[in-house]
Amino acid sequence: MILEGAVDEAEFNSSGFELFQGTIPTQLMALPQLAGIELDFNNLTGSLPDNIGDLTNLQQLDINHNVLSGEIPTSIGQNIRLSFLALHDNEFTGVIPSVLGLLTGLKGLFLHTNRLTEQIPSELGLLTNLTRFTLHENDLTGVIPPDLGLLTDLKFLLLHKNRLTGEIPSDLGNLVNLQRLNLTTNEFVGVMPDEVCQLRNTTLLELTVDCEEVGCPCCTNCAPGQNKLGNPIPTYQYTYDKDRI
């Protein structure tokens, strides 16, 4: 069962698509058999209901590209059947709940382009089924948890445009399926570990870092705005196919 568009009011925008406004109705939390919520690309405001965890059969929660705010409720750790969680392109604040580490069935976790702060929880290293993981364009601090090296199914790891510090952990070299790793516009130091560079010989197609701060002879792209040849770095609009994650 996929729910689409059950909100306070609806209108059509100039493109002819329905644009839903208002808040996420709390009445939805009384539908225990609900398996999916798709309310992306609307104009929803307010917060994610605190009792979202009551939907214990929820497998997909896609509310990206709205104007939702507040903290991600810790009750989300009860949604243990989730395989797809897309909260990106909103205005969520506060910390990334460590209880997300309980959602071990997740294959796609998209938290980018919000206002999330503090450190990346090491508990996210428990999400060993993840193939796509995006945290870019937040205000995250601290180091990259070495535990992320346990996510060996990961294909995309995007951490750029935060305030992450320290050295890049060699544990990321364990991500043997990684295709894209973007670490630019942070405050890293040191050199790119050899273990990560070795992935360039196999699956890793894009490796991007601020080369003025981090020595990286194996990177495909370097400092913001230019690649190693001095050419502009392409601008990526991250997209995903939910059926292929």
Protein backbone atom coordinates (compact mmCIF):
# COMPACT_ATOMS: atom_id res chain seq x y z
CA MET A 1 0.00 0.00 0.00
CA ILE A 2 1.54 3.29 -1.13
CA LEU A 3 0.03 6.55 0.06
CA GLU A 4 0.30 9.52 -2.25
CA GLY A 5 -1.08 12.98 -1.54
CA ALA A 6 -3.11 12.60 1.65
CA VAL A 7 -2.44 16.07 3.02
CA ASP A 8 -4.38 19.06 4.27
CA GLU A 9 -5.03 20.73 0.94
CA ALA A 10 -3.92 20.48 -2.68
CA GLU A 11 -3.55 22.78 -5.64
CA PHE A 12 -2.14 22.54 -9.15
CA ASN A 13 1.01 24.43 -10.00
CA SER A 14 1.72 26.01 -13.36
CA SER A 15 3.20 22.76 -14.69
CA GLY A 16 -0.03 20.90 -14.13
CA PHE A 17 1.25 18.75 -11.26
CA GLU A 18 -0.57 18.61 -7.95
CA LEU A 19 1.32 20.56 -5.30
CA PHE A 20 0.33 19.51 -1.81
CA GLN A 21 0.55 21.92 1.10
CA GLY A 22 0.12 21.73 4.85
CA THR A 23 1.57 19.29 7.33
CA ILE A 24 1.89 15.53 7.30
CA PRO A 25 -1.45 14.41 8.81
CA THR A 26 -1.09 12.73 12.17
CA GLN A 27 -4.01 10.49 11.17
CA LEU A 28 -1.58 8.54 9.00
CA MET A 29 0.07 7.24 12.12
CA ALA A 30 -3.13 5.29 12.85
CA LEU A 31 -2.68 3.14 9.71
CA PRO A 32 -0.51 0.27 10.98
CA GLN A 33 -0.59 -1.63 7.67
CA LEU A 34 0.84 1.28 5.70
CA ALA A 35 3.87 0.07 3.73
CA GLY A 36 4.87 3.23 1.91
CA ILE A 37 4.55 7.01 2.04
CA GLU A 38 5.50 9.06 -1.02
CA LEU A 39 5.04 12.79 -0.56
CA ASP A 40 8.16 14.07 -2.30
CA PHE A 41 8.38 17.31 -4.32
CA ASN A 42 5.58 19.17 -2.59
CA ASN A 43 5.34 22.16 -0.26
CA LEU A 44 4.82 20.33 3.02
CA THR A 45 5.73 22.16 6.23
CA GLY A 46 5.91 21.25 9.89
CA SER A 47 7.77 18.26 11.27
CA LEU A 48 7.89 14.52 10.85
CA PRO A 49 5.37 13.20 13.44
CA ASP A 50 6.97 11.97 16.66
CA ASN A 51 5.00 8.74 16.45
CA ILE A 52 6.22 7.77 12.98
CA GLY A 53 7.58 4.66 14.70
CA ASP A 54 4.02 3.39 15.12
CA LEU A 55 4.05 2.44 11.42
CA THR A 56 5.89 -0.80 12.02
CA ASN A 57 5.11 -2.14 8.52
CA LEU A 58 6.54 0.90 6.75
CA GLN A 59 9.05 -0.06 4.07
CA GLN A 60 9.44 3.21 2.20
CA LEU A 61 9.36 6.79 3.46
CA ASP A 62 9.99 9.36 0.74
CA ILE A 63 9.34 12.96 1.76
CA ASN A 64 12.20 14.71 0.00
CA HIS A 65 12.01 18.20 -1.54
CA ASN A 66 9.58 19.78 0.90
CA VAL A 67 9.97 22.43 3.62
CA LEU A 68 9.84 20.06 6.58
CA SER A 69 11.75 21.10 9.70
CA GLY A 70 12.48 20.12 13.28
CA GLU A 71 14.46 17.12 14.44
CA ILE A 72 14.26 13.61 13.03
CA PRO A 73 12.24 11.77 15.71
CA THR A 74 14.01 8.96 17.53
CA SER A 75 10.92 6.78 17.19
CA ILE A 76 11.99 6.21 13.58
CA GLY A 77 14.24 3.51 15.00
CA GLN A 78 11.09 1.39 15.41
CA ASN A 79 10.47 1.30 11.64
CA ILE A 80 12.68 -1.76 11.32
CA ARG A 81 11.17 -2.83 7.97
CA LEU A 82 12.31 0.32 6.17
CA SER A 83 14.42 -0.31 3.10
CA PHE A 84 14.28 3.22 1.68
CA LEU A 85 14.44 6.49 3.65
CA ALA A 86 14.61 9.79 1.79
CA LEU A 87 14.46 12.92 3.98
CA HIS A 88 16.73 15.06 1.83
CA ASP A 89 16.17 18.59 0.56
CA ASN A 90 14.23 19.77 3.58
CA GLU A 91 15.11 21.87 6.63
CA PHE A 92 15.60 19.19 9.26
CA THR A 93 17.82 20.25 12.17
CA GLY A 94 19.53 18.63 15.13
CA VAL A 95 21.59 15.46 15.21
CA ILE A 96 21.37 12.33 13.10
CA PRO A 97 19.62 9.88 15.46
CA SER A 98 21.87 6.97 16.37
CA VAL A 99 18.76 4.75 16.35
CA LEU A 100 18.94 4.80 12.55
CA GLY A 101 21.50 2.07 13.08
CA LEU A 102 18.62 -0.23 14.04
CA LEU A 103 17.19 -0.05 10.51
CA THR A 104 19.44 -2.78 9.22
CA GLY A 105 17.26 -3.44 6.16
CA LEU A 106 17.94 0.00 4.69
CA LYS A 107 19.36 -0.01 1.18
CA GLY A 108 19.01 3.72 0.53
CA LEU A 109 19.53 6.48 3.14
CA PHE A 110 19.32 10.05 1.88
CA LEU A 111 19.74 12.85 4.43
CA HIS A 112 21.53 15.44 2.31
CA THR A 113 20.66 19.12 1.95
CA ASN A 114 19.27 19.73 5.40
CA ARG A 115 20.63 21.52 8.47
CA LEU A 116 21.81 18.51 10.44
CA THR A 117 24.61 19.12 12.96
CA GLU A 118 27.16 17.38 15.17
CA GLN A 119 28.81 14.05 14.41
CA ILE A 120 27.97 11.15 12.14
CA PRO A 121 26.87 8.35 14.51
CA SER A 122 29.14 5.32 14.47
CA GLU A 123 25.97 3.18 14.73
CA LEU A 124 25.35 3.82 11.02
CA GLY A 125 28.08 1.29 10.41
CA LEU A 126 25.47 -1.36 11.28
CA LEU A 127 23.57 -0.61 8.06
CA THR A 128 25.44 -3.22 6.07
CA ASN A 129 22.77 -3.46 3.33
CA LEU A 130 23.18 0.17 2.28
CA THR A 131 24.08 0.83 -1.34
CA ARG A 132 23.41 4.60 -1.40
CA PHE A 133 24.25 6.93 1.50
CA THR A 134 24.17 10.73 1.20
CA LEU A 135 24.92 13.29 3.91
CA HIS A 136 26.24 16.17 1.84
CA GLU A 137 25.22 19.81 2.31
CA ASN A 138 24.59 19.75 6.05
CA ASP A 139 26.59 21.21 8.94
CA LEU A 140 28.11 17.99 10.27
CA THR A 141 31.31 18.08 12.34
CA GLY A 142 33.78 15.60 13.79
CA VAL A 143 35.54 12.77 11.99
CA ILE A 144 34.31 10.12 9.56
CA PRO A 145 33.52 7.11 11.77
CA PRO A 146 35.77 4.17 10.84
CA ASP A 147 32.63 2.03 11.23
CA LEU A 148 31.46 3.26 7.81
CA GLY A 149 34.08 0.91 6.43
CA LEU A 150 31.71 -1.94 7.33
CA LEU A 151 29.24 -0.85 4.63
CA THR A 152 30.76 -3.09 2.00
CA ASP A 153 27.71 -3.00 -0.33
CA LEU A 154 27.95 0.79 -0.60
CA LYS A 155 28.17 2.27 -4.10
CA PHE A 156 27.74 5.99 -3.37
CA LEU A 157 29.04 7.83 -0.29
CA LEU A 158 28.58 11.59 -0.50
CA LEU A 159 29.85 13.67 2.44
CA HIS A 160 30.81 16.93 0.74
CA LYS A 161 29.89 20.42 1.95
CA ASN A 162 30.02 19.79 5.69
CA ARG A 163 32.58 20.72 8.37
CA LEU A 164 34.07 17.28 8.89
CA THR A 165 37.62 17.17 10.26
CA GLY A 166 40.55 14.85 10.90
CA GLU A 167 42.12 12.32 8.59
CA ILE A 168 40.22 10.17 6.14
CA PRO A 169 40.04 6.68 7.70
CA SER A 170 41.75 3.84 5.88
CA ASP A 171 38.69 1.73 6.73
CA LEU A 172 36.95 3.27 3.70
CA GLY A 173 39.25 1.08 1.64
CA ASN A 174 37.01 -1.84 2.66
CA LEU A 175 34.19 -0.43 0.52
CA VAL A 176 34.95 -2.77 -2.36
CA ASN A 177 31.80 -1.87 -4.32
CA LEU A 178 32.20 1.90 -4.02
CA GLN A 179 31.79 3.83 -7.25
CA ARG A 180 31.60 7.42 -6.07
CA LEU A 181 33.16 9.11 -3.00
CA ASN A 182 32.91 12.88 -2.62
CA LEU A 183 34.61 14.49 0.40
CA THR A 184 35.14 18.05 -0.84
CA THR A 185 34.44 21.26 1.06
CA ASN A 186 35.26 19.89 4.49
CA GLU A 187 38.23 20.40 6.80
CA PHE A 188 40.12 17.15 6.35
CA VAL A 189 43.90 16.91 6.71
CA GLY A 190 46.62 14.38 5.89
CA VAL A 191 46.73 12.19 2.81
CA MET A 192 44.29 9.89 1.08
CA PRO A 193 44.93 6.40 2.49
CA ASP A 194 46.52 3.90 0.14
CA GLU A 195 43.66 1.51 0.88
CA VAL A 196 41.20 4.00 -0.64
CA CYS A 197 43.45 4.76 -3.60
CA GLN A 198 43.58 1.07 -4.42
CA LEU A 199 39.83 1.14 -5.08
CA ARG A 200 40.60 3.29 -8.12
CA ASN A 201 41.95 0.13 -9.74
CA THR A 202 38.60 -1.63 -9.39
CA THR A 203 35.18 -0.03 -8.87
CA LEU A 204 35.83 3.57 -7.77
CA LEU A 205 35.10 5.86 -10.72
CA GLU A 206 34.97 9.19 -8.90
CA LEU A 207 37.11 10.22 -5.93
CA THR A 208 36.91 13.88 -5.00
CA VAL A 209 38.65 15.78 -2.20
CA ASP A 210 40.21 19.21 -1.50
CA CYS A 211 43.73 18.41 -2.67
CA GLU A 212 45.12 21.60 -1.11
CA GLU A 213 44.29 20.13 2.29
CA VAL A 214 44.57 16.39 1.60
CA GLY A 215 47.32 14.85 -0.48
CA CYS A 216 45.62 12.69 -3.09
CA PRO A 217 47.59 11.48 -6.11
CA CYS A 218 44.78 9.07 -7.01
CA CYS A 219 41.85 11.53 -6.96
CA THR A 220 39.83 12.13 -10.10
CA ASN A 221 38.83 15.62 -8.93
CA CYS A 222 40.64 17.97 -6.56
CA ALA A 223 40.01 21.44 -5.16
CA PRO A 224 36.49 22.91 -5.44
CA GLY A 225 35.81 24.27 -8.89
CA GLN A 226 38.52 22.48 -10.85
CA ASN A 227 39.86 19.02 -11.48
CA LYS A 228 43.46 17.90 -11.66
CA LEU A 229 43.70 19.18 -15.23
CA GLY A 230 42.35 22.60 -14.27
CA ASN A 231 39.00 22.00 -15.92
CA PRO A 232 35.69 22.77 -14.18
CA ILE A 233 34.26 19.95 -12.09
CA PRO A 234 30.87 18.86 -13.44
CA THR A 235 27.87 19.81 -11.31
CA TYR A 236 25.92 16.73 -10.28
CA GLN A 237 22.23 16.56 -9.52
CA TYR A 238 21.99 13.40 -7.47
CA THR A 239 19.17 11.13 -8.57
CA TYR A 240 18.24 7.58 -7.73
CA ASP A 241 16.04 4.79 -8.97
CA LYS A 242 14.21 3.40 -5.97
CA ASP A 243 13.54 0.12 -7.77
CA ARG A 244 17.25 -0.46 -8.34
CA ILE A 245 18.63 0.42 -4.89
